[in-house]
């Protein structure tokens, strides 16, 4: 075997070995992503919205009849609270961008209802501007994952309502 053939053989071997390791790395990443997706899928609601805050660091506010939550810089000041049935929660927009509060699975994912479409018994408020508020009284027990419709991918929270 001459020098040129030897170099070609070494290059071919390097390419083959690199390809094998590359395929193994891709398969490992696919398995990791698949496991990650299946473990996270339990945190998604019917609309496919991620609610990672549910069951994490829940703040017990069952001793209050009225609860205030601020909306500041694309974030809810309280992301996961527990309240009693009959409690009124008021969200105040303290940021510069309009936001709303909307239960996951209600209405359009990225569209807040018009003010005329807001109902007292459905957690889905209109867009509120700086300084404005939206209030909702929870008349049923259960889990209420919610989001800001225009920012549904990044603004999520949860309210657990108990007797």
C-alpha atoms as a PDB file:
ATOM      1  CA  UNK A   1       0.000   0.000   0.000  1.00  0.00           C
ATOM      2  CA  UNK A   2       1.457   3.351  -1.005  1.00  0.00           C
ATOM      3  CA  UNK A   3       1.424   6.552   1.081  1.00  0.00           C
ATOM      4  CA  UNK A   4      -1.600   8.044  -0.770  1.00  0.00           C
ATOM      5  CA  UNK A   5      -3.727   4.886  -0.215  1.00  0.00           C
ATOM      6  CA  UNK A   6      -2.753   4.838   3.466  1.00  0.00           C
ATOM      7  CA  UNK A   7      -3.894   8.430   3.955  1.00  0.00           C
ATOM      8  CA  UNK A   8      -7.187   7.716   2.172  1.00  0.00           C
ATOM      9  CA  UNK A   9      -7.740   4.662   4.384  1.00  0.00           C
ATOM     10  CA  UNK A  10      -7.082   6.677   7.567  1.00  0.00           C
ATOM     11  CA  UNK A  11      -9.428   9.492   6.453  1.00  0.00           C
ATOM     12  CA  UNK A  12     -12.140   6.940   5.618  1.00  0.00           C
ATOM     13  CA  UNK A  13     -11.703   5.281   9.026  1.00  0.00           C
ATOM     14  CA  UNK A  14     -11.952   8.660  10.813  1.00  0.00           C
ATOM     15  CA  UNK A  15     -15.134   9.490   8.875  1.00  0.00           C
ATOM     16  CA  UNK A  16     -16.697   6.103   9.686  1.00  0.00           C
ATOM     17  CA  UNK A  17     -15.815   6.289  13.408  1.00  0.00           C
ATOM     18  CA  UNK A  18     -17.000   9.918  13.573  1.00  0.00           C
ATOM     19  CA  UNK A  19     -20.267   8.949  11.894  1.00  0.00           C
ATOM     20  CA  UNK A  20     -20.889   6.124  14.355  1.00  0.00           C
ATOM     21  CA  UNK A  21     -20.304   8.407  17.346  1.00  0.00           C
ATOM     22  CA  UNK A  22     -22.411  11.127  15.732  1.00  0.00           C
ATOM     23  CA  UNK A  23     -25.364   8.754  15.273  1.00  0.00           C
ATOM     24  CA  UNK A  24     -24.999   7.565  18.870  1.00  0.00           C
ATOM     25  CA  UNK A  25     -25.045  11.176  20.124  1.00  0.00           C
ATOM     26  CA  UNK A  26     -28.135  11.997  18.046  1.00  0.00           C
ATOM     27  CA  UNK A  27     -29.959   8.915  19.370  1.00  0.00           C
ATOM     28  CA  UNK A  28     -29.017   9.797  22.942  1.00  0.00           C
ATOM     29  CA  UNK A  29     -30.362  13.369  22.502  1.00  0.00           C
ATOM     30  CA  UNK A  30     -33.561  12.035  20.930  1.00  0.00           C
ATOM     31  CA  UNK A  31     -34.078   9.695  23.904  1.00  0.00           C
ATOM     32  CA  UNK A  32     -33.423  12.519  26.381  1.00  0.00           C
ATOM     33  CA  UNK A  33     -35.817  14.875  24.576  1.00  0.00           C
ATOM     34  CA  UNK A  34     -38.455  12.173  24.384  1.00  0.00           C
ATOM     35  CA  UNK A  35     -38.205  11.497  28.129  1.00  0.00           C
ATOM     36  CA  UNK A  36     -38.275  15.224  28.834  1.00  0.00           C
ATOM     37  CA  UNK A  37     -41.347  15.712  26.646  1.00  0.00           C
ATOM     38  CA  UNK A  38     -43.258  12.856  28.216  1.00  0.00           C
ATOM     39  CA  UNK A  39     -42.500  14.048  31.739  1.00  0.00           C
ATOM     40  CA  UNK A  40     -43.514  17.608  30.864  1.00  0.00           C
ATOM     41  CA  UNK A  41     -46.679  16.612  29.038  1.00  0.00           C
ATOM     42  CA  UNK A  42     -48.454  16.141  32.360  1.00  0.00           C
ATOM     43  CA  UNK A  43     -47.952  19.882  32.981  1.00  0.00           C
ATOM     44  CA  UNK A  44     -49.777  20.883  29.815  1.00  0.00           C
ATOM     45  CA  UNK A  45     -53.456  21.660  29.730  1.00  0.00           C
ATOM     46  CA  UNK A  46     -55.975  20.768  27.038  1.00  0.00           C
ATOM     47  CA  UNK A  47     -54.829  23.758  24.975  1.00  0.00           C
ATOM     48  CA  UNK A  48     -51.211  22.559  25.157  1.00  0.00           C
ATOM     49  CA  UNK A  49     -50.106  25.389  27.436  1.00  0.00           C
ATOM     50  CA  UNK A  50     -47.241  24.563  29.766  1.00  0.00           C
ATOM     51  CA  UNK A  51     -47.988  25.099  33.449  1.00  0.00           C
ATOM     52  CA  UNK A  52     -44.765  24.305  35.182  1.00  0.00           C
ATOM     53  CA  UNK A  53     -45.795  26.319  38.254  1.00  0.00           C
ATOM     54  CA  UNK A  54     -48.556  23.902  39.217  1.00  0.00           C
ATOM     55  CA  UNK A  55     -47.623  21.950  42.369  1.00  0.00           C
ATOM     56  CA  UNK A  56     -44.457  24.015  42.940  1.00  0.00           C
ATOM     57  CA  UNK A  57     -44.076  26.452  45.836  1.00  0.00           C
ATOM     58  CA  UNK A  58     -47.798  26.864  46.390  1.00  0.00           C
ATOM     59  CA  UNK A  59     -48.674  29.796  48.670  1.00  0.00           C
ATOM     60  CA  UNK A  60     -51.533  29.078  51.086  1.00  0.00           C
ATOM     61  CA  UNK A  61     -53.924  32.047  51.105  1.00  0.00           C
ATOM     62  CA  UNK A  62     -56.950  30.189  52.434  1.00  0.00           C
ATOM     63  CA  UNK A  63     -57.209  32.668  55.314  1.00  0.00           C
ATOM     64  CA  UNK A  64     -58.041  35.558  52.918  1.00  0.00           C
ATOM     65  CA  UNK A  65     -61.367  36.497  51.328  1.00  0.00           C
ATOM     66  CA  UNK A  66     -59.666  38.847  48.865  1.00  0.00           C
ATOM     67  CA  UNK A  67     -56.322  38.276  47.176  1.00  0.00           C
ATOM     68  CA  UNK A  68     -54.322  40.784  45.097  1.00  0.00           C
ATOM     69  CA  UNK A  69     -51.974  39.674  42.317  1.00  0.00           C
ATOM     70  CA  UNK A  70     -49.856  42.170  40.394  1.00  0.00           C
ATOM     71  CA  UNK A  71     -48.893  41.793  36.765  1.00  0.00           C
ATOM     72  CA  UNK A  72     -45.458  43.308  36.209  1.00  0.00           C
ATOM     73  CA  UNK A  73     -43.014  42.887  33.335  1.00  0.00           C
ATOM     74  CA  UNK A  74     -44.674  39.830  31.776  1.00  0.00           C
ATOM     75  CA  UNK A  75     -45.032  38.027  35.112  1.00  0.00           C
ATOM     76  CA  UNK A  76     -47.678  37.330  37.750  1.00  0.00           C
ATOM     77  CA  UNK A  77     -46.533  38.272  41.278  1.00  0.00           C
ATOM     78  CA  UNK A  78     -48.016  35.027  42.626  1.00  0.00           C
ATOM     79  CA  UNK A  79     -47.718  32.020  40.338  1.00  0.00           C
ATOM     80  CA  UNK A  80     -49.293  29.295  42.447  1.00  0.00           C
ATOM     81  CA  UNK A  81     -51.753  29.958  45.241  1.00  0.00           C
ATOM     82  CA  UNK A  82     -54.344  28.039  47.226  1.00  0.00           C
ATOM     83  CA  UNK A  83     -57.546  29.837  48.212  1.00  0.00           C
ATOM     84  CA  UNK A  84     -60.977  28.971  49.582  1.00  0.00           C
ATOM     85  CA  UNK A  85     -64.120  28.802  47.486  1.00  0.00           C
ATOM     86  CA  UNK A  86     -65.771  32.236  47.441  1.00  0.00           C
ATOM     87  CA  UNK A  87     -62.487  34.160  47.444  1.00  0.00           C
ATOM     88  CA  UNK A  88     -62.145  37.101  45.068  1.00  0.00           C
ATOM     89  CA  UNK A  89     -58.819  37.507  43.295  1.00  0.00           C
ATOM     90  CA  UNK A  90     -57.961  40.872  41.754  1.00  0.00           C
ATOM     91  CA  UNK A  91     -55.180  41.217  39.210  1.00  0.00           C
ATOM     92  CA  UNK A  92     -53.670  44.690  38.707  1.00  0.00           C
ATOM     93  CA  UNK A  93     -51.575  45.507  35.669  1.00  0.00           C
ATOM     94  CA  UNK A  94     -48.521  47.391  36.933  1.00  0.00           C
ATOM     95  CA  UNK A  95     -46.590  46.984  33.691  1.00  0.00           C
ATOM     96  CA  UNK A  96     -46.477  48.997  30.487  1.00  0.00           C
ATOM     97  CA  UNK A  97     -48.073  46.375  28.219  1.00  0.00           C
ATOM     98  CA  UNK A  98     -51.746  45.258  28.248  1.00  0.00           C
ATOM     99  CA  UNK A  99     -52.348  41.816  29.799  1.00  0.00           C
ATOM    100  CA  UNK A 100     -55.276  39.620  30.747  1.00  0.00           C
ATOM    101  CA  UNK A 101     -56.084  36.578  32.870  1.00  0.00           C
ATOM    102  CA  UNK A 102     -57.643  33.575  31.141  1.00  0.00           C
ATOM    103  CA  UNK A 103     -58.212  30.013  32.315  1.00  0.00           C
ATOM    104  CA  UNK A 104     -56.364  27.482  30.190  1.00  0.00           C
ATOM    105  CA  UNK A 105     -58.663  25.908  27.605  1.00  0.00           C
ATOM    106  CA  UNK A 106     -61.086  28.866  27.543  1.00  0.00           C
ATOM    107  CA  UNK A 107     -61.313  30.928  24.365  1.00  0.00           C
ATOM    108  CA  UNK A 108     -58.517  31.420  21.888  1.00  0.00           C
ATOM    109  CA  UNK A 109     -54.999  30.744  23.158  1.00  0.00           C
ATOM    110  CA  UNK A 110     -53.460  34.065  22.078  1.00  0.00           C
ATOM    111  CA  UNK A 111     -56.601  36.211  22.074  1.00  0.00           C
ATOM    112  CA  UNK A 112     -58.238  37.893  25.060  1.00  0.00           C
ATOM    113  CA  UNK A 113     -62.022  38.314  25.011  1.00  0.00           C
ATOM    114  CA  UNK A 114     -63.523  41.711  24.308  1.00  0.00           C
ATOM    115  CA  UNK A 115     -64.943  43.451  27.390  1.00  0.00           C
ATOM    116  CA  UNK A 116     -68.512  42.791  26.193  1.00  0.00           C
ATOM    117  CA  UNK A 117     -67.788  39.018  26.086  1.00  0.00           C
ATOM    118  CA  UNK A 118     -66.474  38.775  29.669  1.00  0.00           C
ATOM    119  CA  UNK A 119     -68.737  36.669  31.929  1.00  0.00           C
ATOM    120  CA  UNK A 120     -68.890  36.653  35.727  1.00  0.00           C
ATOM    121  CA  UNK A 121     -68.690  32.848  35.914  1.00  0.00           C
ATOM    122  CA  UNK A 122     -65.790  32.292  33.469  1.00  0.00           C
ATOM    123  CA  UNK A 123     -62.167  33.077  34.313  1.00  0.00           C
ATOM    124  CA  UNK A 124     -61.388  35.037  31.146  1.00  0.00           C
ATOM    125  CA  UNK A 125     -60.921  38.789  31.417  1.00  0.00           C
ATOM    126  CA  UNK A 126     -60.426  41.455  28.811  1.00  0.00           C
ATOM    127  CA  UNK A 127     -57.054  43.090  28.246  1.00  0.00           C
ATOM    128  CA  UNK A 128     -56.233  45.493  31.050  1.00  0.00           C
ATOM    129  CA  UNK A 129     -53.916  48.455  30.616  1.00  0.00           C
ATOM    130  CA  UNK A 130     -51.482  49.947  33.121  1.00  0.00           C
ATOM    131  CA  UNK A 131     -53.277  50.591  36.424  1.00  0.00           C
ATOM    132  CA  UNK A 132     -56.440  48.701  35.458  1.00  0.00           C
ATOM    133  CA  UNK A 133     -57.764  45.640  37.298  1.00  0.00           C
ATOM    134  CA  UNK A 134     -59.678  42.441  36.634  1.00  0.00           C
ATOM    135  CA  UNK A 135     -61.427  40.576  39.465  1.00  0.00           C
ATOM    136  CA  UNK A 136     -62.894  37.085  39.612  1.00  0.00           C
ATOM    137  CA  UNK A 137     -64.693  35.309  42.454  1.00  0.00           C
ATOM    138  CA  UNK A 138     -64.038  31.569  42.523  1.00  0.00           C
ATOM    139  CA  UNK A 139     -67.344  29.801  43.087  1.00  0.00           C
ATOM    140  CA  UNK A 140     -66.121  26.246  42.453  1.00  0.00           C
ATOM    141  CA  UNK A 141     -63.372  24.082  43.877  1.00  0.00           C
ATOM    142  CA  UNK A 142     -60.618  22.680  41.664  1.00  0.00           C
ATOM    143  CA  UNK A 143     -57.457  23.567  39.776  1.00  0.00           C
ATOM    144  CA  UNK A 144     -57.499  26.745  37.720  1.00  0.00           C
ATOM    145  CA  UNK A 145     -54.363  26.962  35.582  1.00  0.00           C
ATOM    146  CA  UNK A 146     -54.407  30.275  33.760  1.00  0.00           C
ATOM    147  CA  UNK A 147     -52.320  32.469  31.491  1.00  0.00           C
ATOM    148  CA  UNK A 148     -52.166  35.865  29.822  1.00  0.00           C
ATOM    149  CA  UNK A 149     -53.617  35.231  26.356  1.00  0.00           C
ATOM    150  CA  UNK A 150     -51.285  37.470  24.322  1.00  0.00           C
ATOM    151  CA  UNK A 151     -48.272  36.032  26.184  1.00  0.00           C
ATOM    152  CA  UNK A 152     -49.507  32.464  26.721  1.00  0.00           C
ATOM    153  CA  UNK A 153     -46.114  30.906  26.081  1.00  0.00           C
ATOM    154  CA  UNK A 154     -44.418  32.759  28.926  1.00  0.00           C
ATOM    155  CA  UNK A 155     -47.054  33.952  31.409  1.00  0.00           C
ATOM    156  CA  UNK A 156     -48.725  31.095  33.270  1.00  0.00           C
ATOM    157  CA  UNK A 157     -49.901  30.567  36.830  1.00  0.00           C
ATOM    158  CA  UNK A 158     -52.258  28.383  38.869  1.00  0.00           C
ATOM    159  CA  UNK A 159     -54.923  28.764  41.523  1.00  0.00           C
ATOM    160  CA  UNK A 160     -56.128  25.810  43.602  1.00  0.00           C
ATOM    161  CA  UNK A 161     -59.562  26.369  45.141  1.00  0.00           C
ATOM    162  CA  UNK A 162     -60.615  24.311  48.178  1.00  0.00           C
ATOM    163  CA  UNK A 163     -63.760  24.204  50.363  1.00  0.00           C
END
